[in-house]
N, C-alpha and C. Protein backbone atom coordinates (compact mmCIF):
# COMPACT_ATOMS: atom_id res chain seq x y z
N MET A 1 259.63 112.45 -51.98
CA MET A 1 258.63 111.61 -52.64
C MET A 1 259.26 110.90 -53.45
N SER A 2 258.82 109.42 -53.68
CA SER A 2 259.34 108.06 -54.23
C SER A 2 259.00 107.85 -56.01
N GLU A 3 259.96 107.69 -56.55
CA GLU A 3 259.49 107.67 -58.01
C GLU A 3 258.01 107.24 -58.52
N LEU A 4 258.00 107.34 -59.33
CA LEU A 4 256.90 107.20 -59.85
C LEU A 4 256.37 105.92 -60.37
N THR A 5 255.16 104.95 -59.80
CA THR A 5 255.00 104.24 -59.69
C THR A 5 254.57 103.72 -60.93
N HIS A 6 253.87 104.07 -61.45
CA HIS A 6 253.24 104.08 -62.87
C HIS A 6 253.47 103.97 -64.17
N PHE A 7 255.23 103.55 -64.26
CA PHE A 7 255.59 103.66 -65.02
C PHE A 7 256.89 102.97 -64.67
N ASP A 8 257.20 101.27 -66.22
CA ASP A 8 258.31 100.80 -65.38
C ASP A 8 260.06 100.70 -65.75
N GLU A 9 260.86 100.45 -65.87
CA GLU A 9 261.96 100.46 -66.43
C GLU A 9 262.62 101.15 -67.17
N SER A 10 261.83 101.01 -68.70
CA SER A 10 262.13 101.55 -69.44
C SER A 10 260.80 102.99 -70.11
N GLY A 11 260.32 103.15 -68.28
CA GLY A 11 259.65 103.99 -69.12
C GLY A 11 257.99 103.74 -70.04
N GLN A 12 257.48 102.94 -69.97
CA GLN A 12 256.53 102.42 -70.40
C GLN A 12 255.40 102.31 -69.23
N ALA A 13 254.01 103.00 -69.46
CA ALA A 13 252.89 102.83 -68.42
C ALA A 13 252.74 101.49 -67.96
N ARG A 14 252.21 101.02 -67.01
CA ARG A 14 252.19 99.71 -66.46
C ARG A 14 251.30 100.11 -65.18
N MET A 15 250.41 98.96 -64.61
CA MET A 15 249.38 98.79 -63.63
C MET A 15 250.44 98.72 -62.71
N VAL A 16 250.45 99.10 -61.19
CA VAL A 16 251.17 98.61 -60.26
C VAL A 16 250.32 97.60 -59.56
N ASP A 17 251.36 96.84 -59.79
CA ASP A 17 250.61 95.41 -58.67
C ASP A 17 250.62 95.54 -57.13
N VAL A 18 249.26 95.59 -56.96
CA VAL A 18 249.18 95.59 -55.44
C VAL A 18 248.23 94.35 -54.83
N GLY A 19 248.59 93.75 -55.59
CA GLY A 19 248.27 91.98 -54.93
C GLY A 19 248.88 91.97 -53.45
N PRO A 20 250.42 91.99 -53.54
CA PRO A 20 251.14 92.08 -52.17
C PRO A 20 250.87 92.83 -50.93
N LYS A 21 250.23 94.04 -51.28
CA LYS A 21 250.47 94.70 -50.30
C LYS A 21 248.73 94.66 -49.35
N PRO A 22 248.72 95.02 -47.99
CA PRO A 22 247.90 94.31 -47.26
C PRO A 22 246.12 95.02 -47.10
N VAL A 23 244.92 94.09 -47.14
CA VAL A 23 244.28 95.04 -47.41
C VAL A 23 243.86 95.71 -45.74
N THR A 24 243.63 96.67 -46.13
CA THR A 24 243.28 97.99 -45.35
C THR A 24 242.30 98.65 -45.54
N ASP A 25 241.64 99.98 -44.42
CA ASP A 25 240.50 100.53 -44.40
C ASP A 25 240.86 101.57 -44.79
N ARG A 26 240.78 102.45 -45.94
CA ARG A 26 241.11 103.91 -46.97
C ARG A 26 240.39 104.49 -46.76
N ARG A 27 240.50 105.92 -46.79
CA ARG A 27 239.62 106.81 -46.16
C ARG A 27 239.71 108.26 -47.35
N ALA A 28 239.05 108.68 -48.41
CA ALA A 28 239.89 110.12 -48.82
C ALA A 28 238.81 111.04 -48.81
N VAL A 29 239.14 112.53 -49.00
CA VAL A 29 238.48 113.33 -48.75
C VAL A 29 238.57 114.52 -49.95
N ALA A 30 237.94 114.92 -50.95
CA ALA A 30 238.01 115.78 -51.96
C ALA A 30 237.26 117.41 -51.68
N SER A 31 237.43 118.05 -52.16
CA SER A 31 236.89 119.21 -52.45
C SER A 31 236.58 120.42 -53.70
N GLY A 32 235.66 120.78 -54.17
CA GLY A 32 235.89 121.80 -55.18
C GLY A 32 235.13 122.63 -55.14
N ARG A 33 234.78 123.78 -55.92
CA ARG A 33 234.00 124.56 -56.08
C ARG A 33 233.56 124.69 -56.91
N ILE A 34 232.34 125.62 -57.95
CA ILE A 34 231.87 125.71 -58.48
C ILE A 34 231.17 127.24 -58.69
N ARG A 35 231.60 128.30 -59.46
CA ARG A 35 231.34 129.79 -59.59
C ARG A 35 230.19 129.62 -60.63
N MET A 36 229.09 130.99 -59.88
CA MET A 36 228.45 130.69 -61.07
C MET A 36 227.78 132.50 -60.41
N GLN A 37 226.49 133.07 -61.41
CA GLN A 37 226.10 134.12 -61.42
C GLN A 37 225.04 133.85 -59.91
N GLN A 38 224.55 134.89 -59.60
CA GLN A 38 224.10 134.82 -57.92
C GLN A 38 222.57 134.71 -58.43
N GLU A 39 222.47 135.07 -59.29
CA GLU A 39 220.78 134.67 -59.64
C GLU A 39 220.65 132.98 -60.01
N THR A 40 221.67 132.11 -60.64
CA THR A 40 222.19 130.88 -60.78
C THR A 40 221.99 130.37 -59.49
N LEU A 41 222.87 130.48 -58.59
CA LEU A 41 223.18 129.93 -57.17
C LEU A 41 221.51 130.12 -56.74
N GLN A 42 220.71 131.13 -56.57
CA GLN A 42 219.44 131.33 -56.05
C GLN A 42 218.41 130.09 -56.73
N LEU A 43 218.58 129.79 -58.13
CA LEU A 43 217.44 129.27 -59.07
C LEU A 43 217.88 127.56 -58.38
N VAL A 44 219.32 127.16 -58.47
CA VAL A 44 219.73 125.81 -57.68
C VAL A 44 219.41 125.79 -56.72
N VAL A 45 219.83 126.41 -55.15
CA VAL A 45 219.16 126.49 -53.76
C VAL A 45 217.55 126.33 -53.63
N GLY A 46 216.68 127.51 -54.32
CA GLY A 46 215.91 127.17 -54.16
C GLY A 46 214.75 126.08 -55.34
N GLY A 47 215.60 125.32 -55.54
CA GLY A 47 214.83 124.32 -56.61
C GLY A 47 214.34 124.85 -58.09
N ASP A 48 214.31 125.20 -58.71
CA ASP A 48 213.75 126.19 -59.01
C ASP A 48 214.50 126.01 -60.80
N VAL A 49 215.77 125.55 -60.94
CA VAL A 49 216.11 124.83 -62.06
C VAL A 49 214.83 124.08 -62.78
N LYS A 50 215.01 124.48 -64.16
CA LYS A 50 213.98 123.83 -65.09
C LYS A 50 214.39 122.07 -64.92
N LYS A 51 215.32 121.76 -65.27
CA LYS A 51 215.87 120.48 -65.52
C LYS A 51 215.48 119.75 -64.26
N GLY A 52 215.31 120.43 -63.55
CA GLY A 52 214.94 119.46 -62.05
C GLY A 52 216.21 119.94 -60.94
N ASP A 53 216.04 118.77 -59.54
CA ASP A 53 216.94 118.72 -58.02
C ASP A 53 218.35 118.59 -58.76
N VAL A 54 219.23 120.18 -59.29
CA VAL A 54 220.47 119.86 -59.52
C VAL A 54 221.22 118.91 -58.49
N LEU A 55 220.94 119.85 -57.05
CA LEU A 55 222.10 118.83 -56.20
C LEU A 55 222.12 117.60 -56.26
N GLY A 56 220.26 117.21 -56.34
CA GLY A 56 220.19 115.62 -56.01
C GLY A 56 220.65 114.59 -57.26
N VAL A 57 220.87 115.56 -58.45
CA VAL A 57 221.03 114.44 -59.74
C VAL A 57 222.39 114.96 -59.87
N ALA A 58 223.69 116.10 -58.91
CA ALA A 58 224.54 115.97 -59.47
C ALA A 58 225.21 114.82 -57.99
N ARG A 59 224.61 114.89 -56.75
CA ARG A 59 224.75 113.88 -56.00
C ARG A 59 225.18 112.42 -56.61
N LEU A 60 224.09 111.82 -57.56
CA LEU A 60 224.15 110.90 -57.83
C LEU A 60 224.88 110.54 -59.23
N SER A 61 225.25 111.55 -59.55
CA SER A 61 226.44 111.86 -60.94
C SER A 61 227.88 111.11 -59.93
N GLY A 62 227.94 111.62 -58.79
CA GLY A 62 229.23 111.53 -58.45
C GLY A 62 229.59 110.50 -57.53
N ILE A 63 228.75 110.20 -57.32
CA ILE A 63 228.54 108.51 -56.92
C ILE A 63 228.54 107.59 -58.09
N MET A 64 228.14 107.95 -58.71
CA MET A 64 227.92 107.07 -60.17
C MET A 64 229.71 107.06 -60.35
N ALA A 65 229.80 108.10 -60.50
CA ALA A 65 231.02 108.17 -61.54
C ALA A 65 232.67 107.54 -60.29
N ALA A 66 232.56 108.10 -59.16
CA ALA A 66 233.22 107.54 -58.06
C ALA A 66 233.21 105.72 -58.78
N LYS A 67 232.21 105.29 -58.33
CA LYS A 67 231.99 103.93 -58.43
C LYS A 67 232.82 102.77 -59.88
N ARG A 68 233.05 103.98 -61.24
CA ARG A 68 233.14 103.73 -62.39
C ARG A 68 234.63 104.30 -62.58
N THR A 69 235.36 104.77 -61.41
CA THR A 69 237.03 105.31 -61.49
C THR A 69 237.90 104.76 -62.44
N SER A 70 238.02 103.54 -62.46
CA SER A 70 238.47 102.67 -62.93
C SER A 70 238.54 102.09 -64.61
N GLU A 71 237.13 102.67 -64.80
CA GLU A 71 237.10 102.86 -65.68
C GLU A 71 237.23 104.24 -66.83
N LEU A 72 237.62 104.94 -65.94
CA LEU A 72 237.78 106.46 -66.83
C LEU A 72 239.22 106.97 -66.50
N ILE A 73 239.86 106.24 -65.66
CA ILE A 73 241.20 106.75 -65.46
C ILE A 73 242.23 105.44 -66.12
N PRO A 74 242.99 105.34 -66.62
CA PRO A 74 243.24 103.89 -67.14
C PRO A 74 243.84 103.17 -66.21
N LEU A 75 245.14 103.64 -64.82
CA LEU A 75 245.57 102.82 -64.44
C LEU A 75 244.91 102.65 -62.82
N CYS A 76 244.01 103.13 -63.03
CA CYS A 76 243.09 102.71 -61.50
C CYS A 76 243.21 101.47 -61.72
N HIS A 77 243.44 100.82 -60.24
CA HIS A 77 242.48 99.26 -59.83
C HIS A 77 241.29 99.89 -59.56
N PRO A 78 239.93 98.81 -59.83
CA PRO A 78 238.56 98.86 -59.55
C PRO A 78 238.79 98.28 -58.02
N LEU A 79 237.99 99.29 -57.26
CA LEU A 79 238.38 98.91 -55.81
C LEU A 79 236.67 98.92 -55.37
N LYS A 80 236.54 98.01 -54.07
CA LYS A 80 235.28 97.48 -53.05
C LYS A 80 234.72 98.52 -52.55
N LEU A 81 234.13 99.34 -53.11
CA LEU A 81 234.27 100.84 -52.25
C LEU A 81 233.03 100.65 -51.35
N THR A 82 233.09 101.12 -50.03
CA THR A 82 231.85 100.53 -49.11
C THR A 82 231.25 101.53 -48.81
N SER A 83 231.85 102.97 -48.97
CA SER A 83 230.54 104.50 -48.66
C SER A 83 231.17 105.60 -49.56
N ILE A 84 230.54 105.73 -50.25
CA ILE A 84 230.60 107.29 -50.67
C ILE A 84 229.81 108.55 -50.36
N THR A 85 230.47 109.76 -49.49
CA THR A 85 228.98 110.61 -49.45
C THR A 85 229.44 112.26 -50.82
N ILE A 86 228.91 112.63 -50.88
CA ILE A 86 229.12 113.78 -51.73
C ILE A 86 228.11 115.03 -50.93
N ASP A 87 228.47 115.84 -50.30
CA ASP A 87 227.68 117.45 -49.74
C ASP A 87 227.95 118.83 -50.50
N PHE A 88 227.13 119.54 -50.71
CA PHE A 88 226.80 120.57 -51.14
C PHE A 88 226.81 121.41 -50.24
N THR A 89 228.03 122.97 -50.03
CA THR A 89 227.58 124.17 -48.66
C THR A 89 227.58 125.22 -50.16
N PRO A 90 226.21 126.01 -50.46
CA PRO A 90 226.22 126.90 -51.42
C PRO A 90 226.90 127.95 -50.24
N ASP A 91 227.53 128.56 -50.87
CA ASP A 91 228.65 130.10 -50.24
C ASP A 91 227.70 131.32 -51.41
N ASN A 92 227.09 131.73 -50.45
CA ASN A 92 225.88 133.12 -51.04
C ASN A 92 227.38 134.47 -51.50
N ASP A 93 227.95 134.42 -50.20
CA ASP A 93 229.04 135.67 -50.58
C ASP A 93 230.31 135.34 -51.29
N ALA A 94 230.39 134.29 -52.16
CA ALA A 94 231.59 133.84 -53.53
C ALA A 94 230.46 133.36 -54.19
N SER A 95 229.21 133.53 -54.35
CA SER A 95 228.35 132.83 -55.07
C SER A 95 228.82 131.58 -55.82
N GLU A 96 228.90 130.61 -55.44
CA GLU A 96 229.80 129.69 -55.62
C GLU A 96 229.28 128.00 -54.70
N ILE A 97 228.91 127.15 -55.13
CA ILE A 97 228.92 125.70 -54.22
C ILE A 97 229.96 124.86 -53.85
N ILE A 98 230.42 124.62 -52.99
CA ILE A 98 231.99 123.98 -52.23
C ILE A 98 231.15 122.26 -52.69
N ILE A 99 231.77 121.98 -53.62
CA ILE A 99 231.70 120.72 -52.71
C ILE A 99 232.79 119.85 -52.45
N GLN A 100 231.92 118.33 -51.55
CA GLN A 100 232.88 117.73 -50.63
C GLN A 100 232.72 116.53 -50.98
N ALA A 101 233.39 115.33 -51.11
CA ALA A 101 233.23 114.16 -51.72
C ALA A 101 233.99 113.00 -50.78
N GLU A 102 233.55 112.49 -50.16
CA GLU A 102 234.50 111.38 -48.90
C GLU A 102 233.77 109.85 -49.49
N VAL A 103 234.96 109.34 -50.06
CA VAL A 103 235.04 108.13 -50.30
C VAL A 103 235.84 106.71 -49.19
N ASN A 104 235.28 105.99 -48.99
CA ASN A 104 235.60 104.47 -48.07
C ASN A 104 235.28 103.64 -48.55
N ALA A 105 236.55 102.40 -48.65
CA ALA A 105 236.96 101.15 -48.41
C ALA A 105 237.80 100.72 -47.97
N THR A 106 237.77 99.15 -48.10
CA THR A 106 238.88 98.17 -47.58
C THR A 106 239.34 97.54 -48.52
N ASP A 107 240.54 97.87 -49.06
CA ASP A 107 240.80 97.52 -50.16
C ASP A 107 242.51 97.62 -49.58
N ARG A 108 243.09 96.62 -51.15
CA ARG A 108 244.62 97.11 -51.00
C ARG A 108 245.46 98.42 -51.56
N THR A 109 244.45 99.47 -52.07
CA THR A 109 245.29 100.75 -52.65
C THR A 109 244.44 101.75 -52.42
N GLY A 110 244.35 103.05 -52.87
CA GLY A 110 243.83 104.54 -51.64
C GLY A 110 242.76 104.89 -52.53
N VAL A 111 241.98 105.29 -51.89
CA VAL A 111 240.45 105.74 -52.77
C VAL A 111 240.33 107.60 -53.06
N GLU A 112 242.49 108.27 -53.17
CA GLU A 112 241.63 109.59 -53.55
C GLU A 112 241.07 109.70 -55.27
N MET A 113 241.43 108.72 -55.80
CA MET A 113 241.52 109.10 -57.27
C MET A 113 239.57 108.93 -57.15
N GLU A 114 238.82 107.77 -56.70
CA GLU A 114 237.99 107.98 -56.51
C GLU A 114 237.06 109.42 -55.96
N ALA A 115 237.84 109.80 -54.59
CA ALA A 115 236.91 111.33 -54.38
C ALA A 115 237.27 112.17 -55.57
N LEU A 116 238.35 112.27 -55.91
CA LEU A 116 238.92 113.67 -56.88
C LEU A 116 237.99 113.09 -58.15
N VAL A 117 237.10 112.23 -58.49
CA VAL A 117 236.62 112.35 -59.60
C VAL A 117 234.52 112.09 -59.51
N ALA A 118 235.08 111.86 -58.09
CA ALA A 118 233.31 112.12 -57.53
C ALA A 118 233.05 113.75 -57.28
N VAL A 119 234.08 114.38 -56.84
CA VAL A 119 233.77 115.89 -56.59
C VAL A 119 233.84 116.86 -58.04
N SER A 120 234.76 116.35 -59.36
CA SER A 120 234.85 116.63 -60.38
C SER A 120 233.16 116.78 -61.34
N THR A 121 232.92 115.01 -61.43
CA THR A 121 231.62 114.57 -62.39
C THR A 121 230.63 115.20 -61.41
N ALA A 122 230.17 116.09 -60.39
CA ALA A 122 229.78 116.34 -59.54
C ALA A 122 229.52 118.21 -60.02
N ALA A 123 230.56 118.70 -60.32
CA ALA A 123 230.81 119.14 -60.88
C ALA A 123 230.16 119.84 -62.14
N LEU A 124 230.67 119.30 -62.50
CA LEU A 124 230.04 118.90 -64.24
C LEU A 124 229.34 119.04 -64.16
N THR A 125 228.41 117.91 -63.83
CA THR A 125 226.88 117.65 -63.53
C THR A 125 226.04 119.31 -63.46
N ILE A 126 226.39 119.96 -62.41
CA ILE A 126 225.89 120.67 -61.94
C ILE A 126 226.60 122.23 -62.92
N TYR A 127 227.04 121.88 -63.78
CA TYR A 127 227.20 123.08 -64.79
C TYR A 127 226.44 122.18 -66.29
N ASP A 128 226.30 121.16 -66.64
CA ASP A 128 225.65 120.88 -67.51
C ASP A 128 224.05 121.37 -67.27
N MET A 129 223.84 120.98 -65.38
CA MET A 129 222.25 121.38 -65.78
C MET A 129 221.78 122.77 -65.45
N CYS A 130 222.94 123.66 -65.67
CA CYS A 130 222.21 125.58 -65.15
C CYS A 130 222.97 125.77 -66.26
N LYS A 131 223.79 125.69 -67.33
CA LYS A 131 224.17 126.47 -68.46
C LYS A 131 223.50 127.03 -69.62
N SER A 132 222.29 126.43 -68.91
CA SER A 132 221.46 127.19 -69.98
C SER A 132 220.71 128.69 -69.54
N HIS A 133 221.52 129.11 -67.84
CA HIS A 133 221.19 130.24 -67.37
C HIS A 133 222.44 130.67 -66.99
N ASP A 134 223.53 129.91 -67.37
CA ASP A 134 225.05 130.74 -66.87
C ASP A 134 226.07 129.64 -67.61
N ARG A 135 226.45 130.14 -68.69
CA ARG A 135 227.40 129.57 -69.82
C ARG A 135 229.38 130.03 -69.06
N GLY A 136 229.37 131.10 -67.96
CA GLY A 136 230.07 131.28 -67.83
C GLY A 136 230.51 130.85 -65.84
N MET A 137 230.12 129.36 -65.85
CA MET A 137 230.41 129.08 -64.75
C MET A 137 231.71 128.86 -63.96
N ILE A 138 232.16 128.37 -63.49
CA ILE A 138 233.97 128.37 -63.25
C ILE A 138 234.30 127.14 -62.36
N ILE A 139 234.64 126.45 -62.73
CA ILE A 139 234.86 125.33 -61.87
C ILE A 139 236.53 124.68 -61.39
N ALA A 140 236.71 124.90 -60.30
CA ALA A 140 237.82 125.25 -59.26
C ALA A 140 237.97 124.57 -58.22
N ASN A 141 239.58 124.45 -57.85
CA ASN A 141 240.07 124.00 -56.48
C ASN A 141 239.59 122.77 -56.10
N ILE A 142 239.55 121.76 -57.34
CA ILE A 142 239.32 120.31 -57.39
C ILE A 142 241.02 119.92 -56.66
N ARG A 143 240.53 119.06 -55.24
CA ARG A 143 241.82 118.82 -54.45
C ARG A 143 241.86 117.71 -53.76
N LEU A 144 242.50 116.95 -53.01
CA LEU A 144 242.69 116.04 -52.10
C LEU A 144 242.68 117.16 -50.84
N ILE A 145 241.81 116.91 -49.83
CA ILE A 145 241.74 117.17 -48.68
C ILE A 145 242.35 116.51 -47.61
N GLU A 146 242.00 115.44 -47.69
CA GLU A 146 242.66 114.42 -46.44
C GLU A 146 242.78 112.87 -47.27
N LYS A 147 243.81 111.90 -46.92
CA LYS A 147 243.68 110.66 -46.81
C LYS A 147 244.25 110.16 -45.83
N SER A 148 244.12 108.87 -45.35
CA SER A 148 244.37 108.16 -44.55
C SER A 148 243.99 106.79 -45.16
N GLY A 149 245.43 105.90 -44.20
CA GLY A 149 244.92 104.13 -44.95
C GLY A 149 246.17 103.67 -45.51
N GLY A 150 246.67 102.49 -45.69
CA GLY A 150 247.77 102.33 -46.71
C GLY A 150 249.43 102.76 -46.20
N ARG A 151 250.25 102.16 -46.88
CA ARG A 151 251.59 102.43 -46.59
C ARG A 151 251.64 104.08 -46.09
N SER A 152 251.32 104.69 -46.93
CA SER A 152 251.91 105.91 -46.73
C SER A 152 251.15 106.18 -45.75
N GLY A 153 250.27 106.24 -45.23
CA GLY A 153 249.90 107.31 -44.27
C GLY A 153 248.69 107.96 -43.93
N HIS A 154 248.68 108.84 -43.37
CA HIS A 154 247.25 110.15 -43.06
C HIS A 154 248.34 111.03 -43.75
N TYR A 155 247.03 111.95 -44.69
CA TYR A 155 247.63 113.14 -45.44
C TYR A 155 246.64 114.26 -45.24
N ARG A 156 246.79 115.39 -44.93
CA ARG A 156 246.27 116.10 -44.60
C ARG A 156 246.64 117.71 -45.10
N ASP A 157 245.66 117.82 -46.02
CA ASP A 157 246.18 119.57 -46.72
C ASP A 157 246.07 120.59 -45.55
N GLN A 158 247.44 121.33 -45.77
CA GLN A 158 247.66 122.17 -44.15
C GLN A 158 246.73 123.35 -44.44
N SER A 159 246.48 123.60 -45.89
CA SER A 159 246.05 125.30 -46.36
C SER A 159 243.87 124.62 -45.42
N PHE A 160 243.85 123.79 -45.33
CA PHE A 160 242.36 123.56 -45.31
C PHE A 160 241.91 123.80 -43.67
């Protein structure tokens, strides 16, 4: 692994200059989980949560967050995102919802942070909308699954 690029020679935080980098297609996929009581999961899946369509709102929340990542993470560059998809897979056996976000851009730097922020925000939105039913929900395993594009090339989490 190379040196950390967000620090200058004296250790001060800096925004990396991506100007000289070529514009390429960038893609990142991130995943996470939110575990909840079985009853809460059934309410979400059945569309019976009083606050409304939990997964629909969480999807929009994740998309909006991905678009604003550079406002949330101090040294991230604003990017021209070309697509964002967020999928939810209920797992009845584990009593959880698996969240996956895919983010694409044609730009000078990667979209890993946008995908991770999308998953995190979608999970937090599910928590917010369901907390009156289940305050013990657990958000876990948020991680990068795959990325492509740019100088560092392709990465895929081998445990997936």
